[in-house]
Amino acid sequence: MRNTSYHPVPLAIIAAYSLSCGESEPFAAPSPDSASTGSGDVAELNQEPTDSDTEGGPSSLELDVRDDDAADSPDAMTTDLGSESVDASSAVDVRAAEGDASGADAGPACVPYAPGCGDLPTYDLATSKTQHPIVLVHGMGGFDSLGPVPYFVGVADDLAGLGYAVFTTVADPFNGSDVRAAQIAPQLDHILACTCAEKVDLIGHSQGGIDARVLVSELGYGDRIAAVATVATPHGGSTVAAQLLDLAPESVDPLIDLLGGFLAGLYADPLEETKVRDSLLWCSPEFLADRFAKAPIAPDVAWFSYGGRAGLTATGSPDCDGAALPNPEAKTPISASMLAGWTALGGLDGVANDGLVTVESAKYGEFRGCVPADHMQEIGLSLGSALKLYDHLTLYREIAQLFVDRGY
């Protein structure tokens, strides 16, 4: 029998591995209707992307939130779309019923009204591959972009080129998911107003998946979110986060927040005061279990999840067995930056993990399967390696196709 115990992780690892939370046991969630299956159910997640059908799609759009007067006007969050600045709280979605020339009812015609939409074309259900726009939600320590490199490297442009409407939201790098979700919410409203869409489909990496759960269960966005796919989200919490919370007394929080704020300020523009402890708290098993145990479940939101497994010795069995997709045969070397976390999570003992999150903790709703990648490779980053060890675009194409197959 393999050893599934977890080893203590020094505090310094959190600074080095700030793009996620960690590991623990999975949460149960209502599985979406899987009666309708398509190519998204048979594709393996280690295949190379093709060059076909890569032109003519809508452009991706990044929503960069700035709130300089939050203390005076908490609801006024400014959204930067292209070259225009807009108060997202003023975005309004206007829908009007119009008739044709003969006077017959032609059905509802959407007339978007949202300042700052710029040149973004109106979302057209007739030509879109998915029923709803796709929105990418980054994880802990995340960012809009580092220079020319976005958090989800190349994903938005790749999916847009394939005909999907894709948007990217921005939240604080280090803060609790209650704060982050409240920052994402007006951005979703603005996307809906600009596209005239009824709902959106979310893809959340790492803590971004926890943010999505807060949006649905606590902020009432179950009527505006059709489906959520999470990638390496620690739904079951992290024993590593719990250890770090016990290790660092609250008396040192101001110093840790100062360092975290300085780090975040180097590459992002946080909206709220940095709270590193809150970030860890939202990744701790007991806190998440208690928080979501009391939260209502939105029955109309479909949940899908993916876990990462890395390491040349990693087979993924039994953690990846029984998923909707077959366990890929490919094995990906763990990046140098992820090696310590991978070892601490039991990688040498056969525990499937991506260096920050175990596969078991990543399971929520319908578990789609494992990807042969570490936590950074899942979004296209290969820290500590000059080689591109995993084609992450395959994963996000599979998720987008899944939304198509299931009618989202």
Protein backbone atom coordinates (compact mmCIF):
# COMPACT_ATOMS: atom_id res chain seq x y z
CA MET A 1 0.00 0.00 0.00
CA ARG A 2 1.36 3.39 -0.95
CA ASN A 3 2.15 6.03 1.62
CA THR A 4 -0.34 8.89 1.34
CA SER A 5 0.95 10.95 4.23
CA TYR A 6 1.91 14.56 3.59
CA HIS A 7 5.09 16.22 4.66
CA PRO A 8 5.36 19.69 6.23
CA VAL A 9 6.17 22.44 3.76
CA PRO A 10 8.29 25.44 4.80
CA LEU A 11 6.73 28.89 4.66
CA ALA A 12 9.05 29.91 1.84
CA ILE A 13 7.30 27.51 -0.54
CA ILE A 14 4.14 29.64 -0.47
CA ALA A 15 6.09 32.56 -1.93
CA ALA A 16 7.59 30.35 -4.64
CA TYR A 17 4.35 28.53 -5.36
CA SER A 18 1.84 31.34 -5.04
CA LEU A 19 -0.29 30.42 -8.04
CA SER A 20 -2.46 27.94 -6.14
CA CYS A 21 -3.49 26.51 -2.80
CA GLY A 22 -2.61 22.85 -2.25
CA GLU A 23 -4.34 19.58 -1.60
CA SER A 24 -6.73 17.55 0.47
CA GLU A 25 -9.83 15.40 0.05
CA PRO A 26 -12.40 16.11 -2.71
CA PHE A 27 -15.80 17.66 -2.14
CA ALA A 28 -18.97 16.11 -3.52
CA ALA A 29 -20.99 18.14 -6.00
CA PRO A 30 -24.04 17.38 -8.10
CA SER A 31 -22.83 15.92 -11.41
CA PRO A 32 -24.22 17.59 -14.54
CA ASP A 33 -26.34 15.65 -16.97
CA SER A 34 -23.95 13.48 -18.93
CA ALA A 35 -26.51 11.92 -21.23
CA SER A 36 -25.32 14.03 -24.13
CA THR A 37 -21.77 13.20 -25.07
CA GLY A 38 -19.64 14.14 -28.03
CA SER A 39 -16.07 14.52 -29.12
CA GLY A 40 -15.29 16.07 -25.78
CA ASP A 41 -15.82 12.65 -24.19
CA VAL A 42 -13.35 10.74 -26.34
CA ALA A 43 -10.42 13.10 -26.80
CA GLU A 44 -7.27 12.51 -24.79
CA LEU A 45 -5.77 15.55 -23.15
CA ASN A 46 -2.20 14.99 -24.30
CA GLN A 47 -2.78 15.38 -28.02
CA GLU A 48 -1.23 18.09 -30.16
CA PRO A 49 -3.54 20.89 -31.35
CA THR A 50 -4.33 21.09 -35.05
CA ASP A 51 -4.04 24.13 -37.28
CA SER A 52 -7.52 23.74 -38.74
CA ASP A 53 -10.35 26.20 -38.17
CA THR A 54 -8.21 28.88 -36.59
CA GLU A 55 -9.47 32.00 -38.31
CA GLY A 56 -12.53 34.13 -38.28
CA GLY A 57 -13.48 33.84 -34.61
CA PRO A 58 -14.34 36.70 -32.31
CA SER A 59 -11.56 38.46 -30.52
CA SER A 60 -10.85 37.76 -26.87
CA LEU A 61 -11.40 40.57 -24.40
CA GLU A 62 -9.57 41.27 -21.16
CA LEU A 63 -11.38 43.05 -18.36
CA ASP A 64 -8.93 44.89 -16.14
CA VAL A 65 -10.70 46.18 -13.05
CA ARG A 66 -9.54 49.34 -11.36
CA ASP A 67 -11.26 50.86 -8.32
CA ASP A 68 -9.50 53.94 -7.08
CA ASP A 69 -12.47 55.21 -5.07
CA ALA A 70 -13.68 51.96 -3.54
CA ALA A 71 -13.94 53.44 -0.07
CA ASP A 72 -16.36 56.11 -1.27
CA SER A 73 -18.21 54.09 -3.90
CA PRO A 74 -17.87 50.35 -3.37
CA ASP A 75 -20.19 49.51 -6.24
CA ALA A 76 -18.35 51.64 -8.79
CA MET A 77 -15.73 49.39 -10.36
CA THR A 78 -14.07 50.70 -13.49
CA THR A 79 -13.49 48.26 -16.30
CA ASP A 80 -10.87 48.83 -18.96
CA LEU A 81 -11.93 47.37 -22.29
CA GLY A 82 -9.41 48.20 -24.97
CA SER A 83 -8.82 51.93 -24.90
CA GLU A 84 -12.07 52.88 -23.16
CA SER A 85 -12.62 53.22 -19.43
CA VAL A 86 -16.05 52.44 -18.05
CA ASP A 87 -17.89 52.27 -14.77
CA ALA A 88 -18.99 48.64 -14.79
CA SER A 89 -21.78 49.34 -12.35
CA SER A 90 -23.49 51.40 -15.07
CA ALA A 91 -23.54 48.54 -17.57
CA VAL A 92 -27.12 47.78 -18.56
CA ASP A 93 -28.41 44.92 -20.70
CA VAL A 94 -31.36 46.11 -22.76
CA ARG A 95 -33.47 43.52 -24.58
CA ALA A 96 -36.31 44.64 -26.88
CA ALA A 97 -38.83 42.64 -28.87
CA GLU A 98 -39.05 43.75 -32.48
CA GLY A 99 -41.30 42.65 -35.32
CA ASP A 100 -40.42 42.16 -38.98
CA ALA A 101 -41.67 44.34 -41.86
CA SER A 102 -44.87 42.36 -42.15
CA GLY A 103 -45.70 42.99 -38.52
CA ALA A 104 -45.10 39.39 -37.44
CA ASP A 105 -43.20 38.86 -34.23
CA ALA A 106 -39.58 38.12 -35.13
CA GLY A 107 -38.66 37.20 -31.54
CA PRO A 108 -36.50 39.05 -29.04
CA ALA A 109 -33.79 41.23 -30.53
CA CYS A 110 -30.99 42.12 -28.14
CA VAL A 111 -29.84 45.71 -28.09
CA PRO A 112 -26.74 45.94 -25.89
CA TYR A 113 -26.11 49.05 -23.87
CA ALA A 114 -22.91 49.02 -21.89
CA PRO A 115 -20.46 51.95 -21.99
CA GLY A 116 -16.97 50.74 -22.79
CA CYS A 117 -17.84 47.79 -25.01
CA GLY A 118 -15.69 49.38 -27.70
CA ASP A 119 -15.51 47.49 -30.96
CA LEU A 120 -16.54 44.16 -29.43
CA PRO A 121 -19.12 42.60 -31.75
CA THR A 122 -22.51 41.72 -30.30
CA TYR A 123 -22.54 38.12 -29.16
CA ASP A 124 -24.55 36.19 -31.77
CA LEU A 125 -25.95 32.85 -30.65
CA ALA A 126 -26.56 31.90 -34.28
CA THR A 127 -22.84 31.98 -35.11
CA SER A 128 -21.24 31.16 -31.75
CA LYS A 129 -20.05 27.65 -31.06
CA THR A 130 -21.19 27.76 -27.44
CA GLN A 131 -24.54 28.88 -26.09
CA HIS A 132 -22.76 31.35 -23.80
CA PRO A 133 -19.47 33.33 -23.78
CA ILE A 134 -16.49 31.65 -22.09
CA VAL A 135 -14.82 33.51 -19.22
CA LEU A 136 -11.35 32.64 -17.85
CA VAL A 137 -10.75 33.11 -14.09
CA HIS A 138 -7.17 33.06 -12.79
CA GLY A 139 -5.89 31.55 -9.55
CA MET A 140 -4.02 32.75 -6.47
CA GLY A 141 -1.06 34.95 -7.26
CA GLY A 142 -2.55 35.40 -10.72
CA PHE A 143 -2.45 38.40 -13.02
CA ASP A 144 -3.76 39.93 -16.20
CA SER A 145 -0.43 39.65 -17.97
CA LEU A 146 3.28 39.87 -17.31
CA GLY A 147 4.36 42.05 -20.21
CA PRO A 148 3.15 40.20 -23.31
CA VAL A 149 2.49 36.95 -21.41
CA PRO A 150 -1.07 36.44 -20.10
CA TYR A 151 -1.87 34.16 -17.16
CA PHE A 152 -3.62 31.67 -19.46
CA VAL A 153 -0.85 31.67 -22.05
CA GLY A 154 -2.34 31.85 -25.53
CA VAL A 155 -5.65 30.30 -24.45
CA ALA A 156 -7.98 33.23 -25.16
CA ASP A 157 -6.50 33.89 -28.59
CA ASP A 158 -6.49 30.21 -29.50
CA LEU A 159 -10.14 29.68 -28.56
CA ALA A 160 -11.17 32.96 -30.20
CA GLY A 161 -9.50 31.79 -33.39
CA LEU A 162 -11.60 28.65 -33.25
CA GLY A 163 -14.82 30.63 -33.09
CA TYR A 164 -15.46 31.00 -29.36
CA ALA A 165 -16.27 34.25 -27.57
CA VAL A 166 -13.66 34.44 -24.80
CA PHE A 167 -13.15 36.94 -21.98
CA THR A 168 -10.64 37.22 -19.13
CA THR A 169 -11.37 38.63 -15.67
CA VAL A 170 -8.91 40.01 -13.13
CA ALA A 171 -8.97 39.75 -9.32
CA ASP A 172 -6.55 40.39 -6.45
CA PRO A 173 -3.53 38.05 -6.47
CA PHE A 174 -3.62 37.48 -2.70
CA ASN A 175 -7.01 37.66 -1.04
CA GLY A 176 -9.91 35.52 0.09
CA SER A 177 -12.33 34.20 -2.48
CA ASP A 178 -15.12 36.26 -0.95
CA VAL A 179 -13.19 39.41 -1.91
CA ARG A 180 -12.05 38.06 -5.27
CA ALA A 181 -15.53 36.87 -6.26
CA ALA A 182 -16.98 40.30 -5.41
CA GLN A 183 -14.41 41.83 -7.77
CA ILE A 184 -15.23 39.37 -10.57
CA ALA A 185 -19.01 39.76 -10.28
CA PRO A 186 -19.33 43.22 -11.91
CA GLN A 187 -17.01 42.08 -14.67
CA LEU A 188 -19.38 39.23 -15.46
CA ASP A 189 -22.29 41.68 -15.47
CA HIS A 190 -20.41 43.84 -17.94
CA ILE A 191 -19.67 40.90 -20.21
CA LEU A 192 -23.35 39.98 -20.21
CA ALA A 193 -24.30 43.56 -21.01
CA CYS A 194 -21.80 43.84 -23.86
CA THR A 195 -22.72 40.51 -25.43
CA CYS A 196 -26.46 40.38 -24.67
CA ALA A 197 -25.85 36.83 -23.46
CA GLU A 198 -28.13 35.32 -20.83
CA LYS A 199 -25.32 33.46 -19.06
CA VAL A 200 -21.59 32.73 -19.20
CA ASP A 201 -19.44 29.60 -18.98
CA LEU A 202 -16.52 29.84 -16.54
CA ILE A 203 -13.13 28.13 -16.66
CA GLY A 204 -11.29 28.56 -13.35
CA HIS A 205 -7.72 27.54 -12.68
CA SER A 206 -6.67 26.88 -9.08
CA GLN A 207 -8.30 29.37 -6.67
CA GLY A 208 -10.30 30.66 -9.62
CA GLY A 209 -12.50 27.60 -9.19
CA ILE A 210 -13.16 28.50 -5.55
CA ASP A 211 -14.04 32.03 -6.68
CA ALA A 212 -16.59 30.50 -9.07
CA ARG A 213 -18.18 28.53 -6.24
CA VAL A 214 -18.56 31.72 -4.20
CA LEU A 215 -20.12 33.50 -7.16
CA VAL A 216 -22.72 30.76 -7.48
CA SER A 217 -23.39 29.83 -3.85
CA GLU A 218 -23.01 33.17 -2.06
CA LEU A 219 -23.42 35.99 -4.59
CA GLY A 220 -26.44 34.59 -6.39
CA TYR A 221 -24.85 34.19 -9.82
CA GLY A 222 -26.35 30.77 -10.40
CA ASP A 223 -28.82 32.44 -12.75
CA ARG A 224 -26.01 34.01 -14.78
CA ILE A 225 -23.54 31.10 -14.91
CA ALA A 226 -24.46 28.06 -16.99
CA ALA A 227 -21.42 25.84 -16.45
CA VAL A 228 -18.09 25.87 -14.63
CA ALA A 229 -14.99 23.84 -15.46
CA THR A 230 -12.25 23.90 -12.84
CA VAL A 231 -8.63 22.97 -13.48
CA ALA A 232 -6.50 21.91 -10.51
CA THR A 233 -8.77 23.68 -8.01
CA PRO A 234 -8.27 22.46 -4.41
CA HIS A 235 -11.98 21.92 -3.72
CA GLY A 236 -11.21 19.80 -0.68
CA GLY A 237 -8.84 22.33 0.80
CA SER A 238 -5.15 22.01 1.56
CA THR A 239 -3.45 20.42 4.54
CA VAL A 240 -0.38 22.41 3.53
CA ALA A 241 -2.35 25.66 3.89
CA ALA A 242 -3.58 24.51 7.31
CA GLN A 243 0.00 23.80 8.41
CA LEU A 244 1.15 27.22 7.28
CA LEU A 245 -1.71 28.91 9.11
CA ASP A 246 -0.65 27.11 12.30
CA LEU A 247 3.02 27.84 11.69
CA ALA A 248 2.71 31.59 11.22
CA PRO A 249 1.18 33.41 14.23
CA GLU A 250 -1.28 36.18 13.48
CA SER A 251 1.14 38.68 15.01
CA VAL A 252 3.32 38.43 11.89
CA ASP A 253 0.41 38.95 9.48
CA PRO A 254 1.22 42.63 8.89
CA LEU A 255 4.77 41.74 7.80
CA ILE A 256 3.59 38.88 5.58
CA ASP A 257 0.91 41.08 4.02
CA LEU A 258 3.48 43.80 3.43
CA LEU A 259 5.75 41.36 1.61
CA GLY A 260 2.82 39.86 -0.28
CA GLY A 261 1.58 43.30 -1.26
CA PHE A 262 5.04 44.27 -2.47
CA LEU A 263 5.28 41.09 -4.53
CA ALA A 264 1.80 41.56 -6.00
CA GLY A 265 2.52 45.21 -6.76
CA LEU A 266 5.45 44.21 -8.95
CA TYR A 267 3.17 42.64 -11.54
CA ALA A 268 -0.44 43.54 -10.65
CA ASP A 269 -2.60 46.33 -9.30
CA PRO A 270 -4.53 44.88 -6.33
CA LEU A 271 -7.92 46.44 -5.66
CA GLU A 272 -7.99 45.65 -1.96
CA GLU A 273 -5.39 45.42 0.80
CA THR A 274 -3.35 42.23 0.43
CA LYS A 275 -4.42 39.49 2.85
CA VAL A 276 -2.13 36.47 2.56
CA ARG A 277 -3.71 34.73 5.57
CA ASP A 278 -7.13 35.01 3.96
CA SER A 279 -5.74 33.41 0.81
CA LEU A 280 -4.48 30.47 2.86
CA LEU A 281 -7.67 30.30 4.93
CA TRP A 282 -9.73 29.91 1.77
CA CYS A 283 -7.56 26.90 0.94
CA SER A 284 -7.81 25.16 4.32
CA PRO A 285 -9.98 22.01 4.58
CA GLU A 286 -12.00 22.88 7.70
CA PHE A 287 -12.79 26.41 6.53
CA LEU A 288 -13.98 25.34 3.08
CA ALA A 289 -16.00 22.44 4.46
CA ASP A 290 -17.81 24.73 6.87
CA ARG A 291 -18.24 27.57 4.39
CA PHE A 292 -19.76 25.55 1.58
CA ALA A 293 -21.71 23.16 3.80
CA LYS A 294 -24.01 26.07 4.61
CA ALA A 295 -24.16 27.45 1.09
CA PRO A 296 -27.13 26.74 -1.20
CA ILE A 297 -26.49 24.71 -4.33
CA ALA A 298 -27.65 26.11 -7.66
CA PRO A 299 -29.14 23.06 -9.41
CA ASP A 300 -28.98 24.64 -12.87
CA VAL A 301 -25.19 25.14 -12.88
CA ALA A 302 -23.14 22.28 -14.35
CA TRP A 303 -19.78 21.51 -12.72
CA PHE A 304 -16.82 19.79 -14.36
CA SER A 305 -13.32 19.29 -12.99
CA TYR A 306 -9.83 18.30 -14.13
CA GLY A 307 -6.75 17.36 -12.13
CA GLY A 308 -3.07 17.53 -13.02
CA ARG A 309 -0.52 14.80 -12.53
CA ALA A 310 3.16 15.35 -13.24
CA GLY A 311 6.40 13.42 -12.84
CA LEU A 312 8.05 10.71 -14.90
CA THR A 313 7.11 8.12 -12.26
CA ALA A 314 3.47 9.23 -12.11
CA THR A 315 0.95 6.82 -13.59
CA GLY A 316 -2.09 8.52 -12.11
CA SER A 317 -3.55 5.24 -10.93
CA PRO A 318 -5.81 4.85 -9.04
CA ASP A 319 -6.50 8.60 -8.66
CA CYS A 320 -7.20 9.19 -12.36
CA ASP A 321 -9.15 5.98 -12.90
CA GLY A 322 -12.88 6.08 -13.51
CA ALA A 323 -12.89 9.52 -15.10
CA ALA A 324 -14.92 10.49 -18.15
CA LEU A 325 -11.75 10.66 -20.23
CA PRO A 326 -9.05 7.98 -20.36
CA ASN A 327 -5.94 8.48 -18.26
CA PRO A 328 -3.29 9.75 -20.74
CA GLU A 329 -0.28 7.54 -21.26
CA ALA A 330 2.00 10.56 -21.53
CA LYS A 331 4.22 11.49 -18.59
CA THR A 332 5.56 14.99 -18.10
CA PRO A 333 8.70 15.83 -16.11
CA ILE A 334 7.96 18.01 -13.11
CA SER A 335 9.29 21.55 -13.47
CA ALA A 336 12.07 22.53 -11.08
CA SER A 337 9.84 25.15 -9.46
CA MET A 338 7.19 22.52 -8.67
CA LEU A 339 9.49 19.73 -7.47
CA ALA A 340 9.42 20.56 -3.76
CA GLY A 341 5.63 20.80 -3.68
CA TRP A 342 5.24 17.62 -5.71
CA THR A 343 7.47 15.74 -3.27
CA ALA A 344 5.69 17.19 -0.23
CA LEU A 345 2.34 16.04 -1.60
CA GLY A 346 3.56 12.45 -1.86
CA GLY A 347 4.63 12.32 -5.48
CA LEU A 348 7.42 9.85 -4.73
CA ASP A 349 4.87 7.61 -2.99
CA GLY A 350 2.56 7.56 -5.99
CA VAL A 351 0.11 10.30 -4.98
CA ALA A 352 -1.03 11.92 -8.23
CA ASN A 353 -0.50 15.67 -8.02
CA ASP A 354 0.68 18.62 -10.10
CA GLY A 355 3.12 20.04 -7.56
CA LEU A 356 0.49 22.06 -5.71
CA VAL A 357 -2.85 20.23 -5.89
CA THR A 358 -3.59 16.51 -5.68
CA VAL A 359 -5.94 14.93 -8.16
CA GLU A 360 -8.25 13.85 -5.34
CA SER A 361 -8.61 17.42 -4.10
CA ALA A 362 -9.30 18.67 -7.63
CA LYS A 363 -12.36 16.45 -8.10
CA TYR A 364 -15.72 18.24 -8.05
CA GLY A 365 -18.92 17.63 -9.94
CA GLU A 366 -18.24 15.49 -13.00
CA PHE A 367 -14.56 14.55 -12.89
CA ARG A 368 -13.42 14.71 -16.49
CA GLY A 369 -9.94 13.34 -16.02
CA CYS A 370 -6.24 13.96 -15.49
CA VAL A 371 -3.84 15.99 -17.58
CA PRO A 372 -0.12 15.11 -17.70
CA ALA A 373 1.11 18.48 -16.47
CA ASP A 374 2.22 20.33 -13.37
CA HIS A 375 0.44 23.38 -12.00
CA MET A 376 2.28 25.90 -14.17
CA GLN A 377 2.21 23.79 -17.31
CA GLU A 378 -1.60 23.65 -17.04
CA ILE A 379 -1.73 27.33 -18.00
CA GLY A 380 1.20 27.27 -20.42
CA LEU A 381 4.01 28.30 -18.08
CA SER A 382 7.08 26.12 -17.63
CA LEU A 383 8.90 27.72 -14.73
CA GLY A 384 12.29 26.15 -14.21
CA SER A 385 12.33 24.63 -17.68
CA ALA A 386 13.24 26.07 -21.05
CA LEU A 387 11.15 23.42 -22.82
CA LYS A 388 7.43 23.35 -23.47
CA LEU A 389 6.69 20.03 -21.81
CA TYR A 390 2.91 19.94 -22.25
CA ASP A 391 0.56 21.43 -24.83
CA HIS A 392 -1.98 23.07 -22.51
CA LEU A 393 -4.07 24.39 -25.41
CA THR A 394 -5.33 20.83 -25.90
CA LEU A 395 -6.93 20.97 -22.44
CA TYR A 396 -8.82 24.21 -23.00
CA ARG A 397 -9.97 23.10 -26.44
CA GLU A 398 -11.39 19.99 -24.81
CA ILE A 399 -13.23 22.09 -22.22
CA ALA A 400 -14.64 24.43 -24.87
CA GLN A 401 -15.79 21.45 -26.95
CA LEU A 402 -17.36 19.98 -23.83
CA PHE A 403 -19.44 23.13 -23.41
CA VAL A 404 -20.55 22.75 -27.04
CA ASP A 405 -21.44 19.06 -26.65
CA ARG A 406 -23.44 19.64 -23.48
CA GLY A 407 -25.29 22.65 -24.83
CA TYR A 408 -23.62 25.34 -22.72
